[in-house]
């Protein structure tokens, strides 16, 4: 049987892609849209390349309405709105279908990345714990990027005190949040085993472990709220 072409006709976008375009016109990236939907960024790309995304149209409609009519711009709030209108697919038997979640994978070279958004943050970023544990087992190094309100940081953007050696790794967002990276292959990063012990000490709550480190090292206010978190690993040379 010939393989069916699932791509949309040339020049014609499906509704999911059109709604995603409206969000991008408002200043959001495809990665932001993926975070709002709590899915892998590759899925958003498939709205355009493989005509996918029909299941997310109700959620995207509500998000666009919240943005354009309600004036809501905060990613966690938009993610919460999307979550209320996103239905998981089911199999023929009625069971919940398996969907690809955000990758938590370490390659043979030691490179791995795991990221979580607002919904997973609330439950302690549990999906990142296996990545950290495996990195510790392999003796890897790690770094992380956090996103929170600009007012939550104690040091100005690009401060050497805040993140020595990687001052350019700061991303400012339209919703008054800011992403900052801590550790890199160039600066040596952090010992994954030490970080795994930190996670274990707080009952497996990765968000709490990162928050605790940021507070203890004088980088954020104790009441600052992390909205997004990314962990990266590599093998030291």
C-alpha atoms as a PDB file:
ATOM      1  CA  UNK A   1       0.000   0.000   0.000  1.00  0.00           C
ATOM      2  CA  UNK A   2       1.504   3.380  -0.943  1.00  0.00           C
ATOM      3  CA  UNK A   3       2.450   5.591   1.959  1.00  0.00           C
ATOM      4  CA  UNK A   4      -0.141   8.262   2.608  1.00  0.00           C
ATOM      5  CA  UNK A   5       1.082  11.834   2.471  1.00  0.00           C
ATOM      6  CA  UNK A   6      -0.139  13.567   5.620  1.00  0.00           C
ATOM      7  CA  UNK A   7       1.293  16.978   4.836  1.00  0.00           C
ATOM      8  CA  UNK A   8      -1.055  19.872   4.301  1.00  0.00           C
ATOM      9  CA  UNK A   9      -1.322  21.177   0.734  1.00  0.00           C
ATOM     10  CA  UNK A  10       1.383  23.648  -0.178  1.00  0.00           C
ATOM     11  CA  UNK A  11       0.655  27.066   1.287  1.00  0.00           C
ATOM     12  CA  UNK A  12      -2.307  25.854   3.347  1.00  0.00           C
ATOM     13  CA  UNK A  13      -1.947  25.617   7.125  1.00  0.00           C
ATOM     14  CA  UNK A  14      -4.205  23.616   9.387  1.00  0.00           C
ATOM     15  CA  UNK A  15      -5.991  25.339  12.261  1.00  0.00           C
ATOM     16  CA  UNK A  16      -3.409  24.326  14.867  1.00  0.00           C
ATOM     17  CA  UNK A  17      -0.662  25.943  12.794  1.00  0.00           C
ATOM     18  CA  UNK A  18      -2.745  29.075  12.200  1.00  0.00           C
ATOM     19  CA  UNK A  19      -3.391  29.435  15.928  1.00  0.00           C
ATOM     20  CA  UNK A  20       0.290  28.826  16.645  1.00  0.00           C
ATOM     21  CA  UNK A  21       1.111  31.576  14.144  1.00  0.00           C
ATOM     22  CA  UNK A  22      -1.076  34.008  16.074  1.00  0.00           C
ATOM     23  CA  UNK A  23       0.811  33.186  19.252  1.00  0.00           C
ATOM     24  CA  UNK A  24       4.120  33.667  17.464  1.00  0.00           C
ATOM     25  CA  UNK A  25       2.935  37.014  16.127  1.00  0.00           C
ATOM     26  CA  UNK A  26       2.317  37.969  19.759  1.00  0.00           C
ATOM     27  CA  UNK A  27       5.958  37.235  20.564  1.00  0.00           C
ATOM     28  CA  UNK A  28       5.909  33.606  21.691  1.00  0.00           C
ATOM     29  CA  UNK A  29       8.302  31.043  20.239  1.00  0.00           C
ATOM     30  CA  UNK A  30       7.457  27.502  19.182  1.00  0.00           C
ATOM     31  CA  UNK A  31       9.252  26.340  22.317  1.00  0.00           C
ATOM     32  CA  UNK A  32       6.945  28.586  24.369  1.00  0.00           C
ATOM     33  CA  UNK A  33       3.905  27.095  22.637  1.00  0.00           C
ATOM     34  CA  UNK A  34       5.194  23.603  23.413  1.00  0.00           C
ATOM     35  CA  UNK A  35       5.540  24.597  27.055  1.00  0.00           C
ATOM     36  CA  UNK A  36       1.998  25.941  27.076  1.00  0.00           C
ATOM     37  CA  UNK A  37       0.762  22.603  25.702  1.00  0.00           C
ATOM     38  CA  UNK A  38       3.176  20.606  27.906  1.00  0.00           C
ATOM     39  CA  UNK A  39       4.506  18.764  24.887  1.00  0.00           C
ATOM     40  CA  UNK A  40       7.815  18.360  23.082  1.00  0.00           C
ATOM     41  CA  UNK A  41       8.717  21.311  20.786  1.00  0.00           C
ATOM     42  CA  UNK A  42       8.936  18.912  17.841  1.00  0.00           C
ATOM     43  CA  UNK A  43       5.168  18.479  18.017  1.00  0.00           C
ATOM     44  CA  UNK A  44       4.598  22.166  17.272  1.00  0.00           C
ATOM     45  CA  UNK A  45       6.837  21.882  14.218  1.00  0.00           C
ATOM     46  CA  UNK A  46       4.670  18.993  13.044  1.00  0.00           C
ATOM     47  CA  UNK A  47       1.658  21.319  12.959  1.00  0.00           C
ATOM     48  CA  UNK A  48       3.363  22.757   9.874  1.00  0.00           C
ATOM     49  CA  UNK A  49       5.204  19.786   8.395  1.00  0.00           C
ATOM     50  CA  UNK A  50       2.898  16.821   9.046  1.00  0.00           C
ATOM     51  CA  UNK A  51      -0.535  18.429   9.402  1.00  0.00           C
ATOM     52  CA  UNK A  52      -0.756  17.401  13.065  1.00  0.00           C
ATOM     53  CA  UNK A  53      -2.235  19.230  16.034  1.00  0.00           C
ATOM     54  CA  UNK A  54      -5.998  18.728  15.639  1.00  0.00           C
ATOM     55  CA  UNK A  55      -6.252  17.426  19.211  1.00  0.00           C
ATOM     56  CA  UNK A  56      -4.789  20.697  20.508  1.00  0.00           C
ATOM     57  CA  UNK A  57      -7.046  23.078  18.592  1.00  0.00           C
ATOM     58  CA  UNK A  58      -9.562  23.538  21.475  1.00  0.00           C
ATOM     59  CA  UNK A  59      -6.716  24.341  23.875  1.00  0.00           C
ATOM     60  CA  UNK A  60      -5.021  26.681  21.398  1.00  0.00           C
ATOM     61  CA  UNK A  61      -8.296  28.517  20.754  1.00  0.00           C
ATOM     62  CA  UNK A  62      -8.716  29.141  24.463  1.00  0.00           C
ATOM     63  CA  UNK A  63      -5.099  30.253  24.842  1.00  0.00           C
ATOM     64  CA  UNK A  64      -5.360  32.689  21.929  1.00  0.00           C
ATOM     65  CA  UNK A  65      -8.627  34.067  23.338  1.00  0.00           C
ATOM     66  CA  UNK A  66      -7.067  34.474  26.781  1.00  0.00           C
ATOM     67  CA  UNK A  67      -4.165  36.347  25.222  1.00  0.00           C
ATOM     68  CA  UNK A  68      -6.023  38.531  22.732  1.00  0.00           C
ATOM     69  CA  UNK A  69      -9.223  39.176  24.682  1.00  0.00           C
ATOM     70  CA  UNK A  70      -8.282  38.622  28.300  1.00  0.00           C
ATOM     71  CA  UNK A  71      -4.802  40.107  28.090  1.00  0.00           C
ATOM     72  CA  UNK A  72      -3.238  37.100  29.826  1.00  0.00           C
ATOM     73  CA  UNK A  73       0.430  36.798  28.851  1.00  0.00           C
ATOM     74  CA  UNK A  74       1.967  34.746  31.656  1.00  0.00           C
ATOM     75  CA  UNK A  75       3.078  31.331  30.380  1.00  0.00           C
ATOM     76  CA  UNK A  76       2.065  29.372  33.508  1.00  0.00           C
ATOM     77  CA  UNK A  77      -1.424  30.892  33.337  1.00  0.00           C
ATOM     78  CA  UNK A  78      -1.713  30.095  29.633  1.00  0.00           C
ATOM     79  CA  UNK A  79      -0.473  26.558  30.319  1.00  0.00           C
ATOM     80  CA  UNK A  80      -3.127  26.113  32.995  1.00  0.00           C
ATOM     81  CA  UNK A  81      -5.798  27.265  30.536  1.00  0.00           C
ATOM     82  CA  UNK A  82      -4.517  24.871  27.870  1.00  0.00           C
ATOM     83  CA  UNK A  83      -4.452  21.966  30.320  1.00  0.00           C
ATOM     84  CA  UNK A  84      -8.175  22.364  30.991  1.00  0.00           C
ATOM     85  CA  UNK A  85      -8.922  21.971  27.285  1.00  0.00           C
ATOM     86  CA  UNK A  86      -6.447  19.255  26.304  1.00  0.00           C
ATOM     87  CA  UNK A  87      -7.753  15.716  26.070  1.00  0.00           C
ATOM     88  CA  UNK A  88      -5.437  12.731  25.909  1.00  0.00           C
ATOM     89  CA  UNK A  89      -6.001  10.400  22.980  1.00  0.00           C
ATOM     90  CA  UNK A  90      -7.388   6.949  23.682  1.00  0.00           C
ATOM     91  CA  UNK A  91      -6.808   3.568  22.093  1.00  0.00           C
ATOM     92  CA  UNK A  92      -9.562   1.441  20.538  1.00  0.00           C
ATOM     93  CA  UNK A  93     -10.064  -0.200  23.931  1.00  0.00           C
ATOM     94  CA  UNK A  94     -10.559   3.166  25.611  1.00  0.00           C
ATOM     95  CA  UNK A  95      -7.204   3.219  27.407  1.00  0.00           C
ATOM     96  CA  UNK A  96      -5.096   6.375  27.403  1.00  0.00           C
ATOM     97  CA  UNK A  97      -2.790   6.415  24.414  1.00  0.00           C
ATOM     98  CA  UNK A  98       0.919   6.787  24.935  1.00  0.00           C
ATOM     99  CA  UNK A  99       2.318  10.103  23.762  1.00  0.00           C
ATOM    100  CA  UNK A 100       5.875  11.236  23.454  1.00  0.00           C
ATOM    101  CA  UNK A 101       6.827  13.319  26.454  1.00  0.00           C
ATOM    102  CA  UNK A 102       9.743  15.670  26.756  1.00  0.00           C
ATOM    103  CA  UNK A 103      12.922  13.736  26.261  1.00  0.00           C
ATOM    104  CA  UNK A 104      14.897  12.486  29.239  1.00  0.00           C
ATOM    105  CA  UNK A 105      17.680  10.656  27.476  1.00  0.00           C
ATOM    106  CA  UNK A 106      21.437  10.318  27.843  1.00  0.00           C
ATOM    107  CA  UNK A 107      23.322   9.400  24.697  1.00  0.00           C
ATOM    108  CA  UNK A 108      26.383   7.110  24.679  1.00  0.00           C
ATOM    109  CA  UNK A 109      28.549  10.251  24.692  1.00  0.00           C
ATOM    110  CA  UNK A 110      26.944  11.436  27.933  1.00  0.00           C
ATOM    111  CA  UNK A 111      24.859  14.212  26.422  1.00  0.00           C
ATOM    112  CA  UNK A 112      21.349  14.494  27.794  1.00  0.00           C
ATOM    113  CA  UNK A 113      18.608  17.085  28.149  1.00  0.00           C
ATOM    114  CA  UNK A 114      15.386  17.161  30.118  1.00  0.00           C
ATOM    115  CA  UNK A 115      12.975  20.064  30.421  1.00  0.00           C
ATOM    116  CA  UNK A 116       9.740  20.695  32.258  1.00  0.00           C
ATOM    117  CA  UNK A 117       7.132  23.449  32.242  1.00  0.00           C
ATOM    118  CA  UNK A 118       4.630  24.876  34.659  1.00  0.00           C
ATOM    119  CA  UNK A 119       2.518  21.768  35.177  1.00  0.00           C
ATOM    120  CA  UNK A 120       5.438  19.448  35.903  1.00  0.00           C
ATOM    121  CA  UNK A 121       7.114  22.082  38.092  1.00  0.00           C
ATOM    122  CA  UNK A 122       4.140  21.949  40.444  1.00  0.00           C
ATOM    123  CA  UNK A 123       4.741  18.240  41.039  1.00  0.00           C
ATOM    124  CA  UNK A 124       8.462  18.617  41.652  1.00  0.00           C
ATOM    125  CA  UNK A 125       9.736  18.027  38.104  1.00  0.00           C
ATOM    126  CA  UNK A 126       9.674  14.289  38.782  1.00  0.00           C
ATOM    127  CA  UNK A 127      10.408  13.390  35.165  1.00  0.00           C
ATOM    128  CA  UNK A 128      13.880  14.947  35.531  1.00  0.00           C
ATOM    129  CA  UNK A 129      14.889  12.751  38.463  1.00  0.00           C
ATOM    130  CA  UNK A 130      15.788   9.692  36.313  1.00  0.00           C
ATOM    131  CA  UNK A 131      18.005  11.884  34.138  1.00  0.00           C
ATOM    132  CA  UNK A 132      19.900  13.205  37.160  1.00  0.00           C
ATOM    133  CA  UNK A 133      20.173   9.740  38.720  1.00  0.00           C
ATOM    134  CA  UNK A 134      21.566   8.231  35.517  1.00  0.00           C
ATOM    135  CA  UNK A 135      23.981  11.140  35.099  1.00  0.00           C
ATOM    136  CA  UNK A 136      25.205  10.520  38.653  1.00  0.00           C
ATOM    137  CA  UNK A 137      25.635   6.800  37.954  1.00  0.00           C
ATOM    138  CA  UNK A 138      27.746   7.571  34.886  1.00  0.00           C
ATOM    139  CA  UNK A 139      29.842  10.224  36.634  1.00  0.00           C
ATOM    140  CA  UNK A 140      28.629  13.037  34.382  1.00  0.00           C
ATOM    141  CA  UNK A 141      28.504  16.781  34.849  1.00  0.00           C
ATOM    142  CA  UNK A 142      25.360  18.852  34.576  1.00  0.00           C
ATOM    143  CA  UNK A 143      24.067  22.383  34.171  1.00  0.00           C
ATOM    144  CA  UNK A 144      20.600  23.839  34.407  1.00  0.00           C
ATOM    145  CA  UNK A 145      18.499  26.737  33.176  1.00  0.00           C
ATOM    146  CA  UNK A 146      15.713  28.223  35.270  1.00  0.00           C
ATOM    147  CA  UNK A 147      12.984  30.666  34.427  1.00  0.00           C
ATOM    148  CA  UNK A 148      11.318  32.920  36.961  1.00  0.00           C
ATOM    149  CA  UNK A 149      10.137  36.496  37.417  1.00  0.00           C
ATOM    150  CA  UNK A 150      12.908  39.066  36.968  1.00  0.00           C
ATOM    151  CA  UNK A 151      12.160  40.385  40.443  1.00  0.00           C
ATOM    152  CA  UNK A 152      12.944  36.959  41.886  1.00  0.00           C
ATOM    153  CA  UNK A 153      16.656  37.249  41.099  1.00  0.00           C
ATOM    154  CA  UNK A 154      19.030  38.972  43.507  1.00  0.00           C
ATOM    155  CA  UNK A 155      21.639  39.967  40.909  1.00  0.00           C
ATOM    156  CA  UNK A 156      21.181  41.964  37.695  1.00  0.00           C
ATOM    157  CA  UNK A 157      21.157  40.224  34.329  1.00  0.00           C
ATOM    158  CA  UNK A 158      24.614  39.132  33.216  1.00  0.00           C
ATOM    159  CA  UNK A 159      26.215  39.559  36.635  1.00  0.00           C
ATOM    160  CA  UNK A 160      29.472  37.650  37.090  1.00  0.00           C
ATOM    161  CA  UNK A 161      28.411  36.947  40.659  1.00  0.00           C
ATOM    162  CA  UNK A 162      25.207  35.318  39.449  1.00  0.00           C
ATOM    163  CA  UNK A 163      26.658  33.010  36.803  1.00  0.00           C
ATOM    164  CA  UNK A 164      30.414  33.362  36.249  1.00  0.00           C
ATOM    165  CA  UNK A 165      31.671  32.661  32.765  1.00  0.00           C
ATOM    166  CA  UNK A 166      28.311  32.422  31.007  1.00  0.00           C
ATOM    167  CA  UNK A 167      26.993  35.952  31.302  1.00  0.00           C
ATOM    168  CA  UNK A 168      25.401  35.846  27.859  1.00  0.00           C
ATOM    169  CA  UNK A 169      23.095  32.966  28.761  1.00  0.00           C
ATOM    170  CA  UNK A 170      20.192  35.191  29.802  1.00  0.00           C
ATOM    171  CA  UNK A 171      16.863  35.260  27.960  1.00  0.00           C
ATOM    172  CA  UNK A 172      14.357  37.965  28.810  1.00  0.00           C
ATOM    173  CA  UNK A 173      10.677  37.309  28.111  1.00  0.00           C
ATOM    174  CA  UNK A 174       7.756  39.589  27.336  1.00  0.00           C
ATOM    175  CA  UNK A 175       5.913  38.370  30.439  1.00  0.00           C
ATOM    176  CA  UNK A 176       8.602  39.872  32.728  1.00  0.00           C
ATOM    177  CA  UNK A 177      10.265  36.542  33.403  1.00  0.00           C
ATOM    178  CA  UNK A 178      13.878  35.730  32.678  1.00  0.00           C
ATOM    179  CA  UNK A 179      15.772  32.544  31.895  1.00  0.00           C
ATOM    180  CA  UNK A 180      19.251  32.176  33.337  1.00  0.00           C
ATOM    181  CA  UNK A 181      21.714  29.332  32.932  1.00  0.00           C
ATOM    182  CA  UNK A 182      24.004  27.984  35.619  1.00  0.00           C
ATOM    183  CA  UNK A 183      26.981  25.842  34.701  1.00  0.00           C
ATOM    184  CA  UNK A 184      28.310  24.845  31.289  1.00  0.00           C
ATOM    185  CA  UNK A 185      30.876  22.557  29.718  1.00  0.00           C
ATOM    186  CA  UNK A 186      33.201  25.561  29.493  1.00  0.00           C
ATOM    187  CA  UNK A 187      32.973  26.386  33.207  1.00  0.00           C
ATOM    188  CA  UNK A 188      32.891  22.769  34.381  1.00  0.00           C
ATOM    189  CA  UNK A 189      29.288  22.642  35.517  1.00  0.00           C
ATOM    190  CA  UNK A 190      28.189  20.650  38.548  1.00  0.00           C
ATOM    191  CA  UNK A 191      28.892  17.131  39.743  1.00  0.00           C
ATOM    192  CA  UNK A 192      25.760  15.131  38.900  1.00  0.00           C
ATOM    193  CA  UNK A 193      26.322  12.828  41.882  1.00  0.00           C
ATOM    194  CA  UNK A 194      26.333  15.778  44.271  1.00  0.00           C
ATOM    195  CA  UNK A 195      23.195  17.141  42.671  1.00  0.00           C
ATOM    196  CA  UNK A 196      21.509  13.738  42.863  1.00  0.00           C
ATOM    197  CA  UNK A 197      22.182  13.721  46.610  1.00  0.00           C
ATOM    198  CA  UNK A 198      20.547  17.132  46.865  1.00  0.00           C
ATOM    199  CA  UNK A 199      17.474  15.798  45.074  1.00  0.00           C
ATOM    200  CA  UNK A 200      17.326  12.736  47.324  1.00  0.00           C
ATOM    201  CA  UNK A 201      17.624  14.952  50.413  1.00  0.00           C
ATOM    202  CA  UNK A 202      14.375  16.739  49.508  1.00  0.00           C
ATOM    203  CA  UNK A 203      12.440  13.590  48.743  1.00  0.00           C
ATOM    204  CA  UNK A 204      13.090  13.508  45.010  1.00  0.00           C
ATOM    205  CA  UNK A 205      11.731  17.000  44.334  1.00  0.00           C
ATOM    206  CA  UNK A 206      14.032  18.347  41.599  1.00  0.00           C
ATOM    207  CA  UNK A 207      12.392  21.773  41.636  1.00  0.00           C
ATOM    208  CA  UNK A 208      12.955  22.093  45.377  1.00  0.00           C
ATOM    209  CA  UNK A 209      16.589  21.000  45.061  1.00  0.00           C
ATOM    210  CA  UNK A 210      17.320  23.601  42.387  1.00  0.00           C
ATOM    211  CA  UNK A 211      15.417  26.289  44.286  1.00  0.00           C
ATOM    212  CA  UNK A 212      17.312  25.429  47.476  1.00  0.00           C
ATOM    213  CA  UNK A 213      20.677  25.724  45.711  1.00  0.00           C
ATOM    214  CA  UNK A 214      19.744  29.079  44.179  1.00  0.00           C
ATOM    215  CA  UNK A 215      18.665  30.425  47.575  1.00  0.00           C
ATOM    216  CA  UNK A 216      21.649  29.023  49.475  1.00  0.00           C
ATOM    217  CA  UNK A 217      24.098  30.514  46.983  1.00  0.00           C
ATOM    218  CA  UNK A 218      22.434  33.927  47.117  1.00  0.00           C
ATOM    219  CA  UNK A 219      20.999  34.029  43.610  1.00  0.00           C
ATOM    220  CA  UNK A 220      17.236  34.276  44.148  1.00  0.00           C
ATOM    221  CA  UNK A 221      14.785  35.393  46.812  1.00  0.00           C
ATOM    222  CA  UNK A 222      13.428  32.569  49.004  1.00  0.00           C
ATOM    223  CA  UNK A 223       9.872  33.229  47.792  1.00  0.00           C
ATOM    224  CA  UNK A 224      10.818  33.214  44.090  1.00  0.00           C
ATOM    225  CA  UNK A 225       8.837  30.703  42.017  1.00  0.00           C
ATOM    226  CA  UNK A 226      10.520  28.654  39.273  1.00  0.00           C
ATOM    227  CA  UNK A 227       8.205  28.320  36.264  1.00  0.00           C
ATOM    228  CA  UNK A 228      10.437  26.324  33.898  1.00  0.00           C
ATOM    229  CA  UNK A 229      13.497  24.158  34.384  1.00  0.00           C
ATOM    230  CA  UNK A 230      15.952  22.467  32.047  1.00  0.00           C
ATOM    231  CA  UNK A 231      18.766  20.051  32.949  1.00  0.00           C
ATOM    232  CA  UNK A 232      21.691  19.315  30.601  1.00  0.00           C
ATOM    233  CA  UNK A 233      24.378  16.657  31.053  1.00  0.00           C
ATOM    234  CA  UNK A 234      27.725  15.837  29.454  1.00  0.00           C
ATOM    235  CA  UNK A 235      30.753  13.658  30.024  1.00  0.00           C
ATOM    236  CA  UNK A 236      33.786  15.511  31.413  1.00  0.00           C
ATOM    237  CA  UNK A 237      36.926  15.339  29.332  1.00  0.00           C
END
